[in-house]
C-alpha cells in the first residue's frame, strides 16, 4: 500500500517501518 501514490501516511512497526522508510 505504501508503494502506491495514493497512500501518503503510514504508521507501523519494524521491520515494515524500515522497509517503507527506504522508499523515495
PDBML (XML) file of the C-alpha atoms, coordinates in Angstrom:
<?xml version="1.0" encoding="UTF-8" ?>
<PDBx:datablock datablockName="MODEL"
   xmlns:PDBx="http://pdbml.pdb.org/schema/pdbx-v50.xsd"
   xmlns:xsi="http://www.w3.org/2001/XMLSchema-instance"
   xsi:schemaLocation="http://pdbml.pdb.org/schema/pdbx-v50.xsd pdbx-v50.xsd">
   <PDBx:atom_siteCategory>
      <PDBx:atom_site id="1">
         <PDBx:B_iso_or_equiv>0.00</PDBx:B_iso_or_equiv>
         <PDBx:Cartn_x>0.000</PDBx:Cartn_x>
         <PDBx:Cartn_y>0.000</PDBx:Cartn_y>
         <PDBx:Cartn_z>0.000</PDBx:Cartn_z>
         <PDBx:auth_asym_id>A</PDBx:auth_asym_id>
         <PDBx:auth_atom_id>CA</PDBx:auth_atom_id>
         <PDBx:auth_comp_id>UNK</PDBx:auth_comp_id>
         <PDBx:auth_seq_id>1</PDBx:auth_seq_id>
         <PDBx:group_PDB>ATOM</PDBx:group_PDB>
         <PDBx:label_alt_id xsi:nil="true" />
         <PDBx:label_asym_id>A</PDBx:label_asym_id>
         <PDBx:label_atom_id>CA</PDBx:label_atom_id>
         <PDBx:label_comp_id>UNK</PDBx:label_comp_id>
         <PDBx:label_entity_id>1</PDBx:label_entity_id>
         <PDBx:label_seq_id>1</PDBx:label_seq_id>
         <PDBx:occupancy>1.00</PDBx:occupancy>
         <PDBx:pdbx_PDB_model_num>1</PDBx:pdbx_PDB_model_num>
         <PDBx:type_symbol>C</PDBx:type_symbol>
      </PDBx:atom_site>
      <PDBx:atom_site id="2">
         <PDBx:B_iso_or_equiv>0.00</PDBx:B_iso_or_equiv>
         <PDBx:Cartn_x>2.790</PDBx:Cartn_x>
         <PDBx:Cartn_y>2.401</PDBx:Cartn_y>
         <PDBx:Cartn_z>0.916</PDBx:Cartn_z>
         <PDBx:auth_asym_id>A</PDBx:auth_asym_id>
         <PDBx:auth_atom_id>CA</PDBx:auth_atom_id>
         <PDBx:auth_comp_id>UNK</PDBx:auth_comp_id>
         <PDBx:auth_seq_id>2</PDBx:auth_seq_id>
         <PDBx:group_PDB>ATOM</PDBx:group_PDB>
         <PDBx:label_alt_id xsi:nil="true" />
         <PDBx:label_asym_id>A</PDBx:label_asym_id>
         <PDBx:label_atom_id>CA</PDBx:label_atom_id>
         <PDBx:label_comp_id>UNK</PDBx:label_comp_id>
         <PDBx:label_entity_id>1</PDBx:label_entity_id>
         <PDBx:label_seq_id>2</PDBx:label_seq_id>
         <PDBx:occupancy>1.00</PDBx:occupancy>
         <PDBx:pdbx_PDB_model_num>1</PDBx:pdbx_PDB_model_num>
         <PDBx:type_symbol>C</PDBx:type_symbol>
      </PDBx:atom_site>
      <PDBx:atom_site id="3">
         <PDBx:B_iso_or_equiv>0.00</PDBx:B_iso_or_equiv>
         <PDBx:Cartn_x>4.348</PDBx:Cartn_x>
         <PDBx:Cartn_y>1.973</PDBx:Cartn_y>
         <PDBx:Cartn_z>-2.527</PDBx:Cartn_z>
         <PDBx:auth_asym_id>A</PDBx:auth_asym_id>
         <PDBx:auth_atom_id>CA</PDBx:auth_atom_id>
         <PDBx:auth_comp_id>UNK</PDBx:auth_comp_id>
         <PDBx:auth_seq_id>3</PDBx:auth_seq_id>
         <PDBx:group_PDB>ATOM</PDBx:group_PDB>
         <PDBx:label_alt_id xsi:nil="true" />
         <PDBx:label_asym_id>A</PDBx:label_asym_id>
         <PDBx:label_atom_id>CA</PDBx:label_atom_id>
         <PDBx:label_comp_id>UNK</PDBx:label_comp_id>
         <PDBx:label_entity_id>1</PDBx:label_entity_id>
         <PDBx:label_seq_id>3</PDBx:label_seq_id>
         <PDBx:occupancy>1.00</PDBx:occupancy>
         <PDBx:pdbx_PDB_model_num>1</PDBx:pdbx_PDB_model_num>
         <PDBx:type_symbol>C</PDBx:type_symbol>
      </PDBx:atom_site>
      <PDBx:atom_site id="4">
         <PDBx:B_iso_or_equiv>0.00</PDBx:B_iso_or_equiv>
         <PDBx:Cartn_x>1.236</PDBx:Cartn_x>
         <PDBx:Cartn_y>3.383</PDBx:Cartn_y>
         <PDBx:Cartn_z>-4.229</PDBx:Cartn_z>
         <PDBx:auth_asym_id>A</PDBx:auth_asym_id>
         <PDBx:auth_atom_id>CA</PDBx:auth_atom_id>
         <PDBx:auth_comp_id>UNK</PDBx:auth_comp_id>
         <PDBx:auth_seq_id>4</PDBx:auth_seq_id>
         <PDBx:group_PDB>ATOM</PDBx:group_PDB>
         <PDBx:label_alt_id xsi:nil="true" />
         <PDBx:label_asym_id>A</PDBx:label_asym_id>
         <PDBx:label_atom_id>CA</PDBx:label_atom_id>
         <PDBx:label_comp_id>UNK</PDBx:label_comp_id>
         <PDBx:label_entity_id>1</PDBx:label_entity_id>
         <PDBx:label_seq_id>4</PDBx:label_seq_id>
         <PDBx:occupancy>1.00</PDBx:occupancy>
         <PDBx:pdbx_PDB_model_num>1</PDBx:pdbx_PDB_model_num>
         <PDBx:type_symbol>C</PDBx:type_symbol>
      </PDBx:atom_site>
      <PDBx:atom_site id="5">
         <PDBx:B_iso_or_equiv>0.00</PDBx:B_iso_or_equiv>
         <PDBx:Cartn_x>0.929</PDBx:Cartn_x>
         <PDBx:Cartn_y>7.136</PDBx:Cartn_y>
         <PDBx:Cartn_z>-4.926</PDBx:Cartn_z>
         <PDBx:auth_asym_id>A</PDBx:auth_asym_id>
         <PDBx:auth_atom_id>CA</PDBx:auth_atom_id>
         <PDBx:auth_comp_id>UNK</PDBx:auth_comp_id>
         <PDBx:auth_seq_id>5</PDBx:auth_seq_id>
         <PDBx:group_PDB>ATOM</PDBx:group_PDB>
         <PDBx:label_alt_id xsi:nil="true" />
         <PDBx:label_asym_id>A</PDBx:label_asym_id>
         <PDBx:label_atom_id>CA</PDBx:label_atom_id>
         <PDBx:label_comp_id>UNK</PDBx:label_comp_id>
         <PDBx:label_entity_id>1</PDBx:label_entity_id>
         <PDBx:label_seq_id>5</PDBx:label_seq_id>
         <PDBx:occupancy>1.00</PDBx:occupancy>
         <PDBx:pdbx_PDB_model_num>1</PDBx:pdbx_PDB_model_num>
         <PDBx:type_symbol>C</PDBx:type_symbol>
      </PDBx:atom_site>
      <PDBx:atom_site id="6">
         <PDBx:B_iso_or_equiv>0.00</PDBx:B_iso_or_equiv>
         <PDBx:Cartn_x>-2.458</PDBx:Cartn_x>
         <PDBx:Cartn_y>7.394</PDBx:Cartn_y>
         <PDBx:Cartn_z>-3.202</PDBx:Cartn_z>
         <PDBx:auth_asym_id>A</PDBx:auth_asym_id>
         <PDBx:auth_atom_id>CA</PDBx:auth_atom_id>
         <PDBx:auth_comp_id>UNK</PDBx:auth_comp_id>
         <PDBx:auth_seq_id>6</PDBx:auth_seq_id>
         <PDBx:group_PDB>ATOM</PDBx:group_PDB>
         <PDBx:label_alt_id xsi:nil="true" />
         <PDBx:label_asym_id>A</PDBx:label_asym_id>
         <PDBx:label_atom_id>CA</PDBx:label_atom_id>
         <PDBx:label_comp_id>UNK</PDBx:label_comp_id>
         <PDBx:label_entity_id>1</PDBx:label_entity_id>
         <PDBx:label_seq_id>6</PDBx:label_seq_id>
         <PDBx:occupancy>1.00</PDBx:occupancy>
         <PDBx:pdbx_PDB_model_num>1</PDBx:pdbx_PDB_model_num>
         <PDBx:type_symbol>C</PDBx:type_symbol>
      </PDBx:atom_site>
      <PDBx:atom_site id="7">
         <PDBx:B_iso_or_equiv>0.00</PDBx:B_iso_or_equiv>
         <PDBx:Cartn_x>-1.066</PDBx:Cartn_x>
         <PDBx:Cartn_y>6.370</PDBx:Cartn_y>
         <PDBx:Cartn_z>0.207</PDBx:Cartn_z>
         <PDBx:auth_asym_id>A</PDBx:auth_asym_id>
         <PDBx:auth_atom_id>CA</PDBx:auth_atom_id>
         <PDBx:auth_comp_id>UNK</PDBx:auth_comp_id>
         <PDBx:auth_seq_id>7</PDBx:auth_seq_id>
         <PDBx:group_PDB>ATOM</PDBx:group_PDB>
         <PDBx:label_alt_id xsi:nil="true" />
         <PDBx:label_asym_id>A</PDBx:label_asym_id>
         <PDBx:label_atom_id>CA</PDBx:label_atom_id>
         <PDBx:label_comp_id>UNK</PDBx:label_comp_id>
         <PDBx:label_entity_id>1</PDBx:label_entity_id>
         <PDBx:label_seq_id>7</PDBx:label_seq_id>
         <PDBx:occupancy>1.00</PDBx:occupancy>
         <PDBx:pdbx_PDB_model_num>1</PDBx:pdbx_PDB_model_num>
         <PDBx:type_symbol>C</PDBx:type_symbol>
      </PDBx:atom_site>
      <PDBx:atom_site id="8">
         <PDBx:B_iso_or_equiv>0.00</PDBx:B_iso_or_equiv>
         <PDBx:Cartn_x>0.693</PDBx:Cartn_x>
         <PDBx:Cartn_y>9.320</PDBx:Cartn_y>
         <PDBx:Cartn_z>1.818</PDBx:Cartn_z>
         <PDBx:auth_asym_id>A</PDBx:auth_asym_id>
         <PDBx:auth_atom_id>CA</PDBx:auth_atom_id>
         <PDBx:auth_comp_id>UNK</PDBx:auth_comp_id>
         <PDBx:auth_seq_id>8</PDBx:auth_seq_id>
         <PDBx:group_PDB>ATOM</PDBx:group_PDB>
         <PDBx:label_alt_id xsi:nil="true" />
         <PDBx:label_asym_id>A</PDBx:label_asym_id>
         <PDBx:label_atom_id>CA</PDBx:label_atom_id>
         <PDBx:label_comp_id>UNK</PDBx:label_comp_id>
         <PDBx:label_entity_id>1</PDBx:label_entity_id>
         <PDBx:label_seq_id>8</PDBx:label_seq_id>
         <PDBx:occupancy>1.00</PDBx:occupancy>
         <PDBx:pdbx_PDB_model_num>1</PDBx:pdbx_PDB_model_num>
         <PDBx:type_symbol>C</PDBx:type_symbol>
      </PDBx:atom_site>
      <PDBx:atom_site id="9">
         <PDBx:B_iso_or_equiv>0.00</PDBx:B_iso_or_equiv>
         <PDBx:Cartn_x>0.739</PDBx:Cartn_x>
         <PDBx:Cartn_y>8.452</PDBx:Cartn_y>
         <PDBx:Cartn_z>5.535</PDBx:Cartn_z>
         <PDBx:auth_asym_id>A</PDBx:auth_asym_id>
         <PDBx:auth_atom_id>CA</PDBx:auth_atom_id>
         <PDBx:auth_comp_id>UNK</PDBx:auth_comp_id>
         <PDBx:auth_seq_id>9</PDBx:auth_seq_id>
         <PDBx:group_PDB>ATOM</PDBx:group_PDB>
         <PDBx:label_alt_id xsi:nil="true" />
         <PDBx:label_asym_id>A</PDBx:label_asym_id>
         <PDBx:label_atom_id>CA</PDBx:label_atom_id>
         <PDBx:label_comp_id>UNK</PDBx:label_comp_id>
         <PDBx:label_entity_id>1</PDBx:label_entity_id>
         <PDBx:label_seq_id>9</PDBx:label_seq_id>
         <PDBx:occupancy>1.00</PDBx:occupancy>
         <PDBx:pdbx_PDB_model_num>1</PDBx:pdbx_PDB_model_num>
         <PDBx:type_symbol>C</PDBx:type_symbol>
      </PDBx:atom_site>
      <PDBx:atom_site id="10">
         <PDBx:B_iso_or_equiv>0.00</PDBx:B_iso_or_equiv>
         <PDBx:Cartn_x>1.517</PDBx:Cartn_x>
         <PDBx:Cartn_y>5.166</PDBx:Cartn_y>
         <PDBx:Cartn_z>7.285</PDBx:Cartn_z>
         <PDBx:auth_asym_id>A</PDBx:auth_asym_id>
         <PDBx:auth_atom_id>CA</PDBx:auth_atom_id>
         <PDBx:auth_comp_id>UNK</PDBx:auth_comp_id>
         <PDBx:auth_seq_id>10</PDBx:auth_seq_id>
         <PDBx:group_PDB>ATOM</PDBx:group_PDB>
         <PDBx:label_alt_id xsi:nil="true" />
         <PDBx:label_asym_id>A</PDBx:label_asym_id>
         <PDBx:label_atom_id>CA</PDBx:label_atom_id>
         <PDBx:label_comp_id>UNK</PDBx:label_comp_id>
         <PDBx:label_entity_id>1</PDBx:label_entity_id>
         <PDBx:label_seq_id>10</PDBx:label_seq_id>
         <PDBx:occupancy>1.00</PDBx:occupancy>
         <PDBx:pdbx_PDB_model_num>1</PDBx:pdbx_PDB_model_num>
         <PDBx:type_symbol>C</PDBx:type_symbol>
      </PDBx:atom_site>
      <PDBx:atom_site id="11">
         <PDBx:B_iso_or_equiv>0.00</PDBx:B_iso_or_equiv>
         <PDBx:Cartn_x>2.003</PDBx:Cartn_x>
         <PDBx:Cartn_y>4.098</PDBx:Cartn_y>
         <PDBx:Cartn_z>10.894</PDBx:Cartn_z>
         <PDBx:auth_asym_id>A</PDBx:auth_asym_id>
         <PDBx:auth_atom_id>CA</PDBx:auth_atom_id>
         <PDBx:auth_comp_id>UNK</PDBx:auth_comp_id>
         <PDBx:auth_seq_id>11</PDBx:auth_seq_id>
         <PDBx:group_PDB>ATOM</PDBx:group_PDB>
         <PDBx:label_alt_id xsi:nil="true" />
         <PDBx:label_asym_id>A</PDBx:label_asym_id>
         <PDBx:label_atom_id>CA</PDBx:label_atom_id>
         <PDBx:label_comp_id>UNK</PDBx:label_comp_id>
         <PDBx:label_entity_id>1</PDBx:label_entity_id>
         <PDBx:label_seq_id>11</PDBx:label_seq_id>
         <PDBx:occupancy>1.00</PDBx:occupancy>
         <PDBx:pdbx_PDB_model_num>1</PDBx:pdbx_PDB_model_num>
         <PDBx:type_symbol>C</PDBx:type_symbol>
      </PDBx:atom_site>
      <PDBx:atom_site id="12">
         <PDBx:B_iso_or_equiv>0.00</PDBx:B_iso_or_equiv>
         <PDBx:Cartn_x>3.644</PDBx:Cartn_x>
         <PDBx:Cartn_y>0.739</PDBx:Cartn_y>
         <PDBx:Cartn_z>11.533</PDBx:Cartn_z>
         <PDBx:auth_asym_id>A</PDBx:auth_asym_id>
         <PDBx:auth_atom_id>CA</PDBx:auth_atom_id>
         <PDBx:auth_comp_id>UNK</PDBx:auth_comp_id>
         <PDBx:auth_seq_id>12</PDBx:auth_seq_id>
         <PDBx:group_PDB>ATOM</PDBx:group_PDB>
         <PDBx:label_alt_id xsi:nil="true" />
         <PDBx:label_asym_id>A</PDBx:label_asym_id>
         <PDBx:label_atom_id>CA</PDBx:label_atom_id>
         <PDBx:label_comp_id>UNK</PDBx:label_comp_id>
         <PDBx:label_entity_id>1</PDBx:label_entity_id>
         <PDBx:label_seq_id>12</PDBx:label_seq_id>
         <PDBx:occupancy>1.00</PDBx:occupancy>
         <PDBx:pdbx_PDB_model_num>1</PDBx:pdbx_PDB_model_num>
         <PDBx:type_symbol>C</PDBx:type_symbol>
      </PDBx:atom_site>
      <PDBx:atom_site id="13">
         <PDBx:B_iso_or_equiv>0.00</PDBx:B_iso_or_equiv>
         <PDBx:Cartn_x>6.377</PDBx:Cartn_x>
         <PDBx:Cartn_y>-1.228</PDBx:Cartn_y>
         <PDBx:Cartn_z>13.310</PDBx:Cartn_z>
         <PDBx:auth_asym_id>A</PDBx:auth_asym_id>
         <PDBx:auth_atom_id>CA</PDBx:auth_atom_id>
         <PDBx:auth_comp_id>UNK</PDBx:auth_comp_id>
         <PDBx:auth_seq_id>13</PDBx:auth_seq_id>
         <PDBx:group_PDB>ATOM</PDBx:group_PDB>
         <PDBx:label_alt_id xsi:nil="true" />
         <PDBx:label_asym_id>A</PDBx:label_asym_id>
         <PDBx:label_atom_id>CA</PDBx:label_atom_id>
         <PDBx:label_comp_id>UNK</PDBx:label_comp_id>
         <PDBx:label_entity_id>1</PDBx:label_entity_id>
         <PDBx:label_seq_id>13</PDBx:label_seq_id>
         <PDBx:occupancy>1.00</PDBx:occupancy>
         <PDBx:pdbx_PDB_model_num>1</PDBx:pdbx_PDB_model_num>
         <PDBx:type_symbol>C</PDBx:type_symbol>
      </PDBx:atom_site>
      <PDBx:atom_site id="14">
         <PDBx:B_iso_or_equiv>0.00</PDBx:B_iso_or_equiv>
         <PDBx:Cartn_x>9.650</PDBx:Cartn_x>
         <PDBx:Cartn_y>-2.859</PDBx:Cartn_y>
         <PDBx:Cartn_z>12.321</PDBx:Cartn_z>
         <PDBx:auth_asym_id>A</PDBx:auth_asym_id>
         <PDBx:auth_atom_id>CA</PDBx:auth_atom_id>
         <PDBx:auth_comp_id>UNK</PDBx:auth_comp_id>
         <PDBx:auth_seq_id>14</PDBx:auth_seq_id>
         <PDBx:group_PDB>ATOM</PDBx:group_PDB>
         <PDBx:label_alt_id xsi:nil="true" />
         <PDBx:label_asym_id>A</PDBx:label_asym_id>
         <PDBx:label_atom_id>CA</PDBx:label_atom_id>
         <PDBx:label_comp_id>UNK</PDBx:label_comp_id>
         <PDBx:label_entity_id>1</PDBx:label_entity_id>
         <PDBx:label_seq_id>14</PDBx:label_seq_id>
         <PDBx:occupancy>1.00</PDBx:occupancy>
         <PDBx:pdbx_PDB_model_num>1</PDBx:pdbx_PDB_model_num>
         <PDBx:type_symbol>C</PDBx:type_symbol>
      </PDBx:atom_site>
      <PDBx:atom_site id="15">
         <PDBx:B_iso_or_equiv>0.00</PDBx:B_iso_or_equiv>
         <PDBx:Cartn_x>10.702</PDBx:Cartn_x>
         <PDBx:Cartn_y>-4.471</PDBx:Cartn_y>
         <PDBx:Cartn_z>10.072</PDBx:Cartn_z>
         <PDBx:auth_asym_id>A</PDBx:auth_asym_id>
         <PDBx:auth_atom_id>CA</PDBx:auth_atom_id>
         <PDBx:auth_comp_id>UNK</PDBx:auth_comp_id>
         <PDBx:auth_seq_id>15</PDBx:auth_seq_id>
         <PDBx:group_PDB>ATOM</PDBx:group_PDB>
         <PDBx:label_alt_id xsi:nil="true" />
         <PDBx:label_asym_id>A</PDBx:label_asym_id>
         <PDBx:label_atom_id>CA</PDBx:label_atom_id>
         <PDBx:label_comp_id>UNK</PDBx:label_comp_id>
         <PDBx:label_entity_id>1</PDBx:label_entity_id>
         <PDBx:label_seq_id>15</PDBx:label_seq_id>
         <PDBx:occupancy>1.00</PDBx:occupancy>
         <PDBx:pdbx_PDB_model_num>1</PDBx:pdbx_PDB_model_num>
         <PDBx:type_symbol>C</PDBx:type_symbol>
      </PDBx:atom_site>
      <PDBx:atom_site id="16">
         <PDBx:B_iso_or_equiv>0.00</PDBx:B_iso_or_equiv>
         <PDBx:Cartn_x>7.918</PDBx:Cartn_x>
         <PDBx:Cartn_y>-2.892</PDBx:Cartn_y>
         <PDBx:Cartn_z>7.964</PDBx:Cartn_z>
         <PDBx:auth_asym_id>A</PDBx:auth_asym_id>
         <PDBx:auth_atom_id>CA</PDBx:auth_atom_id>
         <PDBx:auth_comp_id>UNK</PDBx:auth_comp_id>
         <PDBx:auth_seq_id>16</PDBx:auth_seq_id>
         <PDBx:group_PDB>ATOM</PDBx:group_PDB>
         <PDBx:label_alt_id xsi:nil="true" />
         <PDBx:label_asym_id>A</PDBx:label_asym_id>
         <PDBx:label_atom_id>CA</PDBx:label_atom_id>
         <PDBx:label_comp_id>UNK</PDBx:label_comp_id>
         <PDBx:label_entity_id>1</PDBx:label_entity_id>
         <PDBx:label_seq_id>16</PDBx:label_seq_id>
         <PDBx:occupancy>1.00</PDBx:occupancy>
         <PDBx:pdbx_PDB_model_num>1</PDBx:pdbx_PDB_model_num>
         <PDBx:type_symbol>C</PDBx:type_symbol>
      </PDBx:atom_site>
      <PDBx:atom_site id="17">
         <PDBx:B_iso_or_equiv>0.00</PDBx:B_iso_or_equiv>
         <PDBx:Cartn_x>8.837</PDBx:Cartn_x>
         <PDBx:Cartn_y>0.562</PDBx:Cartn_y>
         <PDBx:Cartn_z>9.267</PDBx:Cartn_z>
         <PDBx:auth_asym_id>A</PDBx:auth_asym_id>
         <PDBx:auth_atom_id>CA</PDBx:auth_atom_id>
         <PDBx:auth_comp_id>UNK</PDBx:auth_comp_id>
         <PDBx:auth_seq_id>17</PDBx:auth_seq_id>
         <PDBx:group_PDB>ATOM</PDBx:group_PDB>
         <PDBx:label_alt_id xsi:nil="true" />
         <PDBx:label_asym_id>A</PDBx:label_asym_id>
         <PDBx:label_atom_id>CA</PDBx:label_atom_id>
         <PDBx:label_comp_id>UNK</PDBx:label_comp_id>
         <PDBx:label_entity_id>1</PDBx:label_entity_id>
         <PDBx:label_seq_id>17</PDBx:label_seq_id>
         <PDBx:occupancy>1.00</PDBx:occupancy>
         <PDBx:pdbx_PDB_model_num>1</PDBx:pdbx_PDB_model_num>
         <PDBx:type_symbol>C</PDBx:type_symbol>
      </PDBx:atom_site>
      <PDBx:atom_site id="18">
         <PDBx:B_iso_or_equiv>0.00</PDBx:B_iso_or_equiv>
         <PDBx:Cartn_x>12.386</PDBx:Cartn_x>
         <PDBx:Cartn_y>0.460</PDBx:Cartn_y>
         <PDBx:Cartn_z>7.935</PDBx:Cartn_z>
         <PDBx:auth_asym_id>A</PDBx:auth_asym_id>
         <PDBx:auth_atom_id>CA</PDBx:auth_atom_id>
         <PDBx:auth_comp_id>UNK</PDBx:auth_comp_id>
         <PDBx:auth_seq_id>18</PDBx:auth_seq_id>
         <PDBx:group_PDB>ATOM</PDBx:group_PDB>
         <PDBx:label_alt_id xsi:nil="true" />
         <PDBx:label_asym_id>A</PDBx:label_asym_id>
         <PDBx:label_atom_id>CA</PDBx:label_atom_id>
         <PDBx:label_comp_id>UNK</PDBx:label_comp_id>
         <PDBx:label_entity_id>1</PDBx:label_entity_id>
         <PDBx:label_seq_id>18</PDBx:label_seq_id>
         <PDBx:occupancy>1.00</PDBx:occupancy>
         <PDBx:pdbx_PDB_model_num>1</PDBx:pdbx_PDB_model_num>
         <PDBx:type_symbol>C</PDBx:type_symbol>
      </PDBx:atom_site>
      <PDBx:atom_site id="19">
         <PDBx:B_iso_or_equiv>0.00</PDBx:B_iso_or_equiv>
         <PDBx:Cartn_x>11.251</PDBx:Cartn_x>
         <PDBx:Cartn_y>-1.062</PDBx:Cartn_y>
         <PDBx:Cartn_z>4.631</PDBx:Cartn_z>
         <PDBx:auth_asym_id>A</PDBx:auth_asym_id>
         <PDBx:auth_atom_id>CA</PDBx:auth_atom_id>
         <PDBx:auth_comp_id>UNK</PDBx:auth_comp_id>
         <PDBx:auth_seq_id>19</PDBx:auth_seq_id>
         <PDBx:group_PDB>ATOM</PDBx:group_PDB>
         <PDBx:label_alt_id xsi:nil="true" />
         <PDBx:label_asym_id>A</PDBx:label_asym_id>
         <PDBx:label_atom_id>CA</PDBx:label_atom_id>
         <PDBx:label_comp_id>UNK</PDBx:label_comp_id>
         <PDBx:label_entity_id>1</PDBx:label_entity_id>
         <PDBx:label_seq_id>19</PDBx:label_seq_id>
         <PDBx:occupancy>1.00</PDBx:occupancy>
         <PDBx:pdbx_PDB_model_num>1</PDBx:pdbx_PDB_model_num>
         <PDBx:type_symbol>C</PDBx:type_symbol>
      </PDBx:atom_site>
      <PDBx:atom_site id="20">
         <PDBx:B_iso_or_equiv>0.00</PDBx:B_iso_or_equiv>
         <PDBx:Cartn_x>8.733</PDBx:Cartn_x>
         <PDBx:Cartn_y>1.719</PDBx:Cartn_y>
         <PDBx:Cartn_z>3.973</PDBx:Cartn_z>
         <PDBx:auth_asym_id>A</PDBx:auth_asym_id>
         <PDBx:auth_atom_id>CA</PDBx:auth_atom_id>
         <PDBx:auth_comp_id>UNK</PDBx:auth_comp_id>
         <PDBx:auth_seq_id>20</PDBx:auth_seq_id>
         <PDBx:group_PDB>ATOM</PDBx:group_PDB>
         <PDBx:label_alt_id xsi:nil="true" />
         <PDBx:label_asym_id>A</PDBx:label_asym_id>
         <PDBx:label_atom_id>CA</PDBx:label_atom_id>
         <PDBx:label_comp_id>UNK</PDBx:label_comp_id>
         <PDBx:label_entity_id>1</PDBx:label_entity_id>
         <PDBx:label_seq_id>20</PDBx:label_seq_id>
         <PDBx:occupancy>1.00</PDBx:occupancy>
         <PDBx:pdbx_PDB_model_num>1</PDBx:pdbx_PDB_model_num>
         <PDBx:type_symbol>C</PDBx:type_symbol>
      </PDBx:atom_site>
      <PDBx:atom_site id="21">
         <PDBx:B_iso_or_equiv>0.00</PDBx:B_iso_or_equiv>
         <PDBx:Cartn_x>11.135</PDBx:Cartn_x>
         <PDBx:Cartn_y>4.390</PDBx:Cartn_y>
         <PDBx:Cartn_z>5.218</PDBx:Cartn_z>
         <PDBx:auth_asym_id>A</PDBx:auth_asym_id>
         <PDBx:auth_atom_id>CA</PDBx:auth_atom_id>
         <PDBx:auth_comp_id>UNK</PDBx:auth_comp_id>
         <PDBx:auth_seq_id>21</PDBx:auth_seq_id>
         <PDBx:group_PDB>ATOM</PDBx:group_PDB>
         <PDBx:label_alt_id xsi:nil="true" />
         <PDBx:label_asym_id>A</PDBx:label_asym_id>
         <PDBx:label_atom_id>CA</PDBx:label_atom_id>
         <PDBx:label_comp_id>UNK</PDBx:label_comp_id>
         <PDBx:label_entity_id>1</PDBx:label_entity_id>
         <PDBx:label_seq_id>21</PDBx:label_seq_id>
         <PDBx:occupancy>1.00</PDBx:occupancy>
         <PDBx:pdbx_PDB_model_num>1</PDBx:pdbx_PDB_model_num>
         <PDBx:type_symbol>C</PDBx:type_symbol>
      </PDBx:atom_site>
      <PDBx:atom_site id="22">
         <PDBx:B_iso_or_equiv>0.00</PDBx:B_iso_or_equiv>
         <PDBx:Cartn_x>13.566</PDBx:Cartn_x>
         <PDBx:Cartn_y>3.323</PDBx:Cartn_y>
         <PDBx:Cartn_z>2.487</PDBx:Cartn_z>
         <PDBx:auth_asym_id>A</PDBx:auth_asym_id>
         <PDBx:auth_atom_id>CA</PDBx:auth_atom_id>
         <PDBx:auth_comp_id>UNK</PDBx:auth_comp_id>
         <PDBx:auth_seq_id>22</PDBx:auth_seq_id>
         <PDBx:group_PDB>ATOM</PDBx:group_PDB>
         <PDBx:label_alt_id xsi:nil="true" />
         <PDBx:label_asym_id>A</PDBx:label_asym_id>
         <PDBx:label_atom_id>CA</PDBx:label_atom_id>
         <PDBx:label_comp_id>UNK</PDBx:label_comp_id>
         <PDBx:label_entity_id>1</PDBx:label_entity_id>
         <PDBx:label_seq_id>22</PDBx:label_seq_id>
         <PDBx:occupancy>1.00</PDBx:occupancy>
         <PDBx:pdbx_PDB_model_num>1</PDBx:pdbx_PDB_model_num>
         <PDBx:type_symbol>C</PDBx:type_symbol>
      </PDBx:atom_site>
      <PDBx:atom_site id="23">
         <PDBx:B_iso_or_equiv>0.00</PDBx:B_iso_or_equiv>
         <PDBx:Cartn_x>11.042</PDBx:Cartn_x>
         <PDBx:Cartn_y>4.348</PDBx:Cartn_y>
         <PDBx:Cartn_z>-0.189</PDBx:Cartn_z>
         <PDBx:auth_asym_id>A</PDBx:auth_asym_id>
         <PDBx:auth_atom_id>CA</PDBx:auth_atom_id>
         <PDBx:auth_comp_id>UNK</PDBx:auth_comp_id>
         <PDBx:auth_seq_id>23</PDBx:auth_seq_id>
         <PDBx:group_PDB>ATOM</PDBx:group_PDB>
         <PDBx:label_alt_id xsi:nil="true" />
         <PDBx:label_asym_id>A</PDBx:label_asym_id>
         <PDBx:label_atom_id>CA</PDBx:label_atom_id>
         <PDBx:label_comp_id>UNK</PDBx:label_comp_id>
         <PDBx:label_entity_id>1</PDBx:label_entity_id>
         <PDBx:label_seq_id>23</PDBx:label_seq_id>
         <PDBx:occupancy>1.00</PDBx:occupancy>
         <PDBx:pdbx_PDB_model_num>1</PDBx:pdbx_PDB_model_num>
         <PDBx:type_symbol>C</PDBx:type_symbol>
      </PDBx:atom_site>
      <PDBx:atom_site id="24">
         <PDBx:B_iso_or_equiv>0.00</PDBx:B_iso_or_equiv>
         <PDBx:Cartn_x>11.693</PDBx:Cartn_x>
         <PDBx:Cartn_y>7.641</PDBx:Cartn_y>
         <PDBx:Cartn_z>-2.037</PDBx:Cartn_z>
         <PDBx:auth_asym_id>A</PDBx:auth_asym_id>
         <PDBx:auth_atom_id>CA</PDBx:auth_atom_id>
         <PDBx:auth_comp_id>UNK</PDBx:auth_comp_id>
         <PDBx:auth_seq_id>24</PDBx:auth_seq_id>
         <PDBx:group_PDB>ATOM</PDBx:group_PDB>
         <PDBx:label_alt_id xsi:nil="true" />
         <PDBx:label_asym_id>A</PDBx:label_asym_id>
         <PDBx:label_atom_id>CA</PDBx:label_atom_id>
         <PDBx:label_comp_id>UNK</PDBx:label_comp_id>
         <PDBx:label_entity_id>1</PDBx:label_entity_id>
         <PDBx:label_seq_id>24</PDBx:label_seq_id>
         <PDBx:occupancy>1.00</PDBx:occupancy>
         <PDBx:pdbx_PDB_model_num>1</PDBx:pdbx_PDB_model_num>
         <PDBx:type_symbol>C</PDBx:type_symbol>
      </PDBx:atom_site>
   </PDBx:atom_siteCategory>
</PDBx:datablock>
